[in-house]
Amino acid sequence: MKLSKNFGLISDLYSAFVIATLPTVRAIFRRPGLVFRPTEVSRVFMAAVWAAFAAPTDEGARPTKLGLIGPNATGTVMDIGAGLGHSIDYFDQSSVKAYIALEPNALMHGPLRARAAAAGFSEADGSFLVLPYGVEDTAQICAGLAAAGLRVDTMLSIMTLCSIPDPQRSLTALVHEVLVPGGQLLFYEHVRSPRRDVAWWQSFWTPIWKRTFDGCCLDRPTHLWIAEMEDAGGNMWSEQRLWGKEGEPEEHLFWHQVGRFVKHS
């Protein structure tokens, strides 16, 4: 693996600090108590970073998202780690009846609501719901869905599972408790590379990367965890399809996998 590939992340780290340091310092100045709440500081930092990086990141994944989301997302869609709501732009509006945004970072809720409203999803008519929880908060998510009278037909995860706590347990519980029988999980995630040299560098950078980007890990084999997911009857899925991002080089530290998995009915 070329050294230039290994150290390309340094420019991203530098850009993140340039973009987000001042907004984070301002937030701490306004609310000095934040210095004792590192999780909130991390979310302030990440909100500033994502405001700058979300659009170009979305554009780079556009062909993949068009093939994954548009033809497959149906019924009531829960967007895990919805961020600023870019997934909405890929919906077939005739197929998606309601949109649930699972997003624990409240600083992203304003732009998220604006994008949802522009696409015709409304909290007033029950076609839009924001749940301010993480994937691990299964009980709160279930309670919020029950209160809204919603059931999840499609679970969508775009560049999110890299950062959730205890990902295998959390995602398994969410799929088991929230996704309807016969429902589908759609995902586009960067994962651990099958190449040993690339995977080594992913693990090398992860301790630094995750502290900068709100827990994001470069070396999780998320796609394999999903494929091996089980419920009481054995394997969780009746259908599994995995594919890669077209044109992506093998040496990429952000190696992506795309999947459509259908839960047993």
Protein backbone atom coordinates (compact mmCIF):
# COMPACT_ATOMS: atom_id res chain seq x y z
CA MET A 1 0.00 0.00 0.00
CA LYS A 2 1.38 3.41 -1.01
CA LEU A 3 2.43 5.71 1.83
CA SER A 4 0.55 8.57 0.18
CA LYS A 5 -2.67 6.60 0.72
CA ASN A 6 -1.80 5.94 4.37
CA PHE A 7 -1.28 9.56 5.28
CA GLY A 8 -4.00 11.14 3.16
CA LEU A 9 -6.18 11.38 6.26
CA ILE A 10 -3.92 14.06 7.74
CA SER A 11 -5.36 16.70 5.39
CA ASP A 12 -8.90 15.69 6.42
CA LEU A 13 -8.00 15.97 10.10
CA TYR A 14 -6.42 19.37 9.53
CA SER A 15 -9.47 20.62 7.61
CA ALA A 16 -11.78 19.42 10.37
CA PHE A 17 -9.85 21.31 13.05
CA VAL A 18 -9.71 24.47 10.93
CA ILE A 19 -13.46 24.36 10.30
CA ALA A 20 -14.76 23.28 13.70
CA THR A 21 -12.39 24.61 16.37
CA LEU A 22 -13.71 28.18 16.43
CA PRO A 23 -17.43 27.20 16.57
CA THR A 24 -16.61 24.73 19.34
CA VAL A 25 -14.68 27.33 21.35
CA ARG A 26 -17.57 29.79 20.92
CA ALA A 27 -20.05 27.20 22.18
CA ILE A 28 -17.90 26.54 25.26
CA PHE A 29 -17.55 30.27 25.87
CA ARG A 30 -21.35 30.65 25.81
CA ARG A 31 -21.87 27.53 27.94
CA PRO A 32 -18.77 26.97 30.12
CA GLY A 33 -20.33 23.87 31.65
CA LEU A 34 -19.69 22.06 28.36
CA VAL A 35 -16.07 21.46 29.41
CA PHE A 36 -17.44 18.86 31.82
CA ARG A 37 -19.55 17.18 29.12
CA PRO A 38 -17.15 15.84 26.49
CA THR A 39 -19.91 14.06 24.56
CA GLU A 40 -21.71 17.34 23.97
CA VAL A 41 -18.46 19.07 22.97
CA SER A 42 -17.85 16.29 20.46
CA ARG A 43 -21.33 16.82 19.01
CA VAL A 44 -20.76 20.57 18.68
CA PHE A 45 -17.48 19.87 16.87
CA MET A 46 -19.05 17.22 14.64
CA ALA A 47 -22.03 19.40 13.73
CA ALA A 48 -19.64 22.08 12.47
CA VAL A 49 -17.59 19.53 10.53
CA TRP A 50 -20.64 17.88 8.99
CA ALA A 51 -22.14 21.22 7.95
CA ALA A 52 -19.04 21.66 5.75
CA PHE A 53 -18.43 18.08 4.65
CA ALA A 54 -21.95 16.64 4.29
CA ALA A 55 -22.69 18.01 0.81
CA PRO A 56 -19.42 16.91 -0.86
CA THR A 57 -19.58 13.55 0.92
CA ASP A 58 -23.13 13.07 -0.32
CA GLU A 59 -22.16 14.04 -3.86
CA GLY A 60 -19.31 11.51 -3.89
CA ALA A 61 -21.75 8.74 -2.98
CA ARG A 62 -24.58 9.86 -5.26
CA PRO A 63 -24.43 7.02 -7.84
CA THR A 64 -24.33 4.40 -5.08
CA LYS A 65 -27.20 5.99 -3.15
CA LEU A 66 -29.30 6.28 -6.29
CA GLY A 67 -28.96 2.53 -6.82
CA LEU A 68 -29.56 1.64 -3.17
CA ILE A 69 -32.22 3.99 -1.82
CA GLY A 70 -34.41 5.00 -4.73
CA PRO A 71 -35.48 1.55 -5.96
CA ASN A 72 -35.66 -0.08 -2.51
CA ALA A 73 -36.81 2.31 0.24
CA THR A 74 -40.55 1.80 0.76
CA GLY A 75 -43.27 2.38 3.34
CA THR A 76 -42.13 3.95 6.60
CA VAL A 77 -38.38 4.57 6.50
CA MET A 78 -36.22 4.97 9.59
CA ASP A 79 -32.96 6.77 8.81
CA ILE A 80 -30.33 5.75 11.39
CA GLY A 81 -28.06 8.68 12.17
CA ALA A 82 -30.00 10.90 9.79
CA GLY A 83 -27.58 13.81 10.07
CA LEU A 84 -28.80 16.68 7.90
CA GLY A 85 -31.31 14.48 6.08
CA HIS A 86 -29.52 14.00 2.75
CA SER A 87 -31.09 10.55 2.31
CA ILE A 88 -34.44 12.24 1.71
CA ASP A 89 -33.21 13.48 -1.66
CA TYR A 90 -33.05 9.90 -2.95
CA PHE A 91 -36.54 8.76 -1.99
CA ASP A 92 -39.15 7.76 -4.52
CA GLN A 93 -41.92 9.91 -3.08
CA SER A 94 -44.59 7.53 -4.39
CA SER A 95 -43.08 4.66 -2.38
CA VAL A 96 -42.04 6.31 0.92
CA LYS A 97 -45.06 7.15 3.06
CA ALA A 98 -43.36 8.35 6.25
CA TYR A 99 -39.84 9.34 7.30
CA ILE A 100 -38.39 8.75 10.77
CA ALA A 101 -35.11 10.50 11.50
CA LEU A 102 -33.08 8.86 14.26
CA GLU A 103 -30.53 11.54 15.17
CA PRO A 104 -29.08 12.06 18.67
CA ASN A 105 -27.26 15.30 17.76
CA ALA A 106 -29.87 18.02 18.35
CA LEU A 107 -27.68 20.57 16.54
CA MET A 108 -28.61 18.85 13.28
CA HIS A 109 -32.36 18.82 13.86
CA GLY A 110 -33.06 22.28 12.40
CA PRO A 111 -31.57 21.63 8.94
CA LEU A 112 -32.98 18.11 9.04
CA ARG A 113 -36.52 19.39 9.62
CA ALA A 114 -36.12 21.96 6.85
CA ARG A 115 -35.06 19.32 4.32
CA ALA A 116 -37.90 17.01 5.35
CA ALA A 117 -40.45 19.80 5.03
CA ALA A 118 -39.13 20.74 1.58
CA ALA A 119 -39.72 17.13 0.50
CA GLY A 120 -43.30 17.17 1.79
CA PHE A 121 -42.84 15.28 5.08
CA SER A 122 -44.71 16.86 7.98
CA GLU A 123 -44.76 16.31 11.72
CA ALA A 124 -48.30 17.70 11.73
CA ASP A 125 -49.73 14.93 9.53
CA GLY A 126 -47.58 12.16 11.04
CA SER A 127 -45.43 11.57 7.96
CA PHE A 128 -42.28 12.85 9.71
CA LEU A 129 -40.84 12.08 13.12
CA VAL A 130 -37.54 13.03 14.74
CA LEU A 131 -36.29 10.69 17.46
CA PRO A 132 -33.36 12.25 19.40
CA TYR A 133 -31.78 8.91 20.29
CA GLY A 134 -28.83 6.76 19.33
CA VAL A 135 -29.15 3.27 17.85
CA GLU A 136 -28.38 1.81 21.27
CA ASP A 137 -31.47 3.42 22.85
CA THR A 138 -33.85 0.67 21.77
CA ALA A 139 -36.45 1.14 24.52
CA GLN A 140 -36.80 4.88 23.88
CA ILE A 141 -37.03 4.32 20.13
CA CYS A 142 -39.76 1.71 20.55
CA ALA A 143 -41.68 4.02 22.89
CA GLY A 144 -41.41 6.92 20.44
CA LEU A 145 -42.63 4.80 17.54
CA ALA A 146 -45.52 3.42 19.55
CA ALA A 147 -46.60 6.92 20.59
CA ALA A 148 -46.58 8.01 16.95
CA GLY A 149 -48.34 4.87 15.75
CA LEU A 150 -45.54 4.04 13.31
CA ARG A 151 -43.94 0.73 12.28
CA VAL A 152 -40.67 0.56 10.35
CA ASP A 153 -40.72 -1.10 6.93
CA THR A 154 -37.27 0.06 5.79
CA MET A 155 -34.28 0.72 8.01
CA LEU A 156 -31.62 2.87 6.35
CA SER A 157 -28.04 3.42 7.50
CA ILE A 158 -25.72 5.73 5.58
CA MET A 159 -22.21 6.11 7.04
CA THR A 160 -23.52 5.70 10.59
CA LEU A 161 -22.67 2.26 11.99
CA CYS A 162 -19.00 3.21 12.15
CA SER A 163 -19.67 5.32 15.25
CA ILE A 164 -22.39 3.69 17.35
CA PRO A 165 -21.49 2.13 20.73
CA ASP A 166 -21.49 -1.69 20.96
CA PRO A 167 -22.56 -1.94 17.32
CA GLN A 168 -23.27 -5.68 17.08
CA ARG A 169 -25.58 -5.76 20.10
CA SER A 170 -27.20 -2.39 19.40
CA LEU A 171 -28.01 -3.00 15.76
CA THR A 172 -29.22 -6.56 16.37
CA ALA A 173 -31.60 -5.33 19.08
CA LEU A 174 -32.89 -2.53 16.85
CA VAL A 175 -33.54 -4.82 13.88
CA HIS A 176 -35.18 -7.42 16.11
CA GLU A 177 -37.42 -4.98 17.99
CA VAL A 178 -38.18 -2.28 15.41
CA LEU A 179 -38.00 -3.64 11.86
CA VAL A 180 -41.23 -5.39 10.81
CA PRO A 181 -41.08 -9.03 9.63
CA GLY A 182 -40.30 -8.94 5.94
CA GLY A 183 -38.83 -5.44 6.32
CA GLN A 184 -35.47 -4.50 4.90
CA LEU A 185 -32.18 -3.03 6.08
CA LEU A 186 -30.40 -0.88 3.50
CA PHE A 187 -26.89 0.33 4.22
CA TYR A 188 -23.90 2.12 2.73
CA GLU A 189 -20.98 2.02 5.16
CA HIS A 190 -17.21 2.27 5.18
CA VAL A 191 -15.86 -0.96 6.68
CA ARG A 192 -12.72 -2.93 7.47
CA SER A 193 -10.83 -3.75 4.28
CA PRO A 194 -10.23 -7.39 3.32
CA ARG A 195 -6.64 -6.43 2.48
CA ARG A 196 -4.36 -6.94 5.46
CA ASP A 197 -2.12 -3.96 4.68
CA VAL A 198 -5.08 -1.58 4.34
CA ALA A 199 -6.78 -3.01 7.44
CA TRP A 200 -3.57 -2.48 9.45
CA TRP A 201 -3.55 1.20 8.58
CA GLN A 202 -7.26 1.51 9.28
CA SER A 203 -6.62 0.19 12.80
CA PHE A 204 -3.60 2.50 13.15
CA TRP A 205 -5.65 5.61 12.39
CA THR A 206 -8.86 4.68 14.20
CA PRO A 207 -7.87 5.84 17.75
CA ILE A 208 -7.12 9.33 16.39
CA TRP A 209 -9.98 9.44 13.90
CA LYS A 210 -12.70 8.39 16.34
CA ARG A 211 -11.69 11.04 18.88
CA THR A 212 -11.94 13.71 16.21
CA PHE A 213 -15.11 12.55 14.47
CA ASP A 214 -17.49 11.64 17.29
CA GLY A 215 -16.55 7.96 17.61
CA CYS A 216 -16.13 7.09 13.91
CA CYS A 217 -14.06 3.89 13.52
CA LEU A 218 -12.34 2.99 10.26
CA ASP A 219 -11.82 -0.71 11.00
CA ARG A 220 -15.24 -2.21 11.76
CA PRO A 221 -16.31 -5.22 9.63
CA THR A 222 -19.88 -3.96 9.81
CA HIS A 223 -21.04 -5.77 6.69
CA LEU A 224 -19.95 -9.11 8.15
CA TRP A 225 -21.67 -8.42 11.47
CA ILE A 226 -24.91 -7.66 9.65
CA ALA A 227 -24.68 -10.81 7.52
CA GLU A 228 -24.16 -12.94 10.64
CA MET A 229 -26.97 -11.32 12.64
CA GLU A 230 -29.26 -13.82 14.37
CA ASP A 231 -32.60 -13.92 16.13
CA ALA A 232 -34.18 -16.72 18.17
CA GLY A 233 -34.76 -18.80 15.04
CA GLY A 234 -31.24 -18.52 13.63
CA ASN A 235 -30.02 -16.17 10.93
CA MET A 236 -32.05 -12.94 10.81
CA TRP A 237 -32.32 -12.68 7.02
CA SER A 238 -34.34 -14.32 4.26
CA GLU A 239 -32.45 -12.38 1.57
CA GLN A 240 -28.93 -10.93 1.54
CA ARG A 241 -27.20 -8.89 -1.11
CA LEU A 242 -23.81 -7.19 -0.71
CA TRP A 243 -21.88 -5.15 -3.26
CA GLY A 244 -19.13 -2.54 -3.38
CA LYS A 245 -18.84 1.06 -4.48
CA GLU A 246 -18.17 1.14 -8.19
CA GLY A 247 -14.72 2.40 -9.15
CA GLU A 248 -13.38 2.48 -5.60
CA PRO A 249 -9.65 1.63 -5.42
CA GLU A 250 -8.57 -1.34 -3.33
CA GLU A 251 -6.14 0.80 -1.36
CA HIS A 252 -8.80 3.19 -0.11
CA LEU A 253 -8.78 3.52 3.70
CA PHE A 254 -12.51 4.21 3.44
CA TRP A 255 -13.52 0.92 1.82
CA HIS A 256 -17.28 0.79 1.33
CA GLN A 257 -19.84 -1.96 1.25
CA VAL A 258 -23.45 -1.58 0.21
CA GLY A 259 -26.20 -3.96 1.26
CA ARG A 260 -29.88 -4.87 1.06
CA PHE A 261 -30.96 -7.42 3.67
CA VAL A 262 -34.54 -8.62 4.11
CA LYS A 263 -35.72 -9.81 7.53
CA HIS A 264 -37.48 -13.17 7.82
CA SER A 265 -41.25 -12.80 7.65
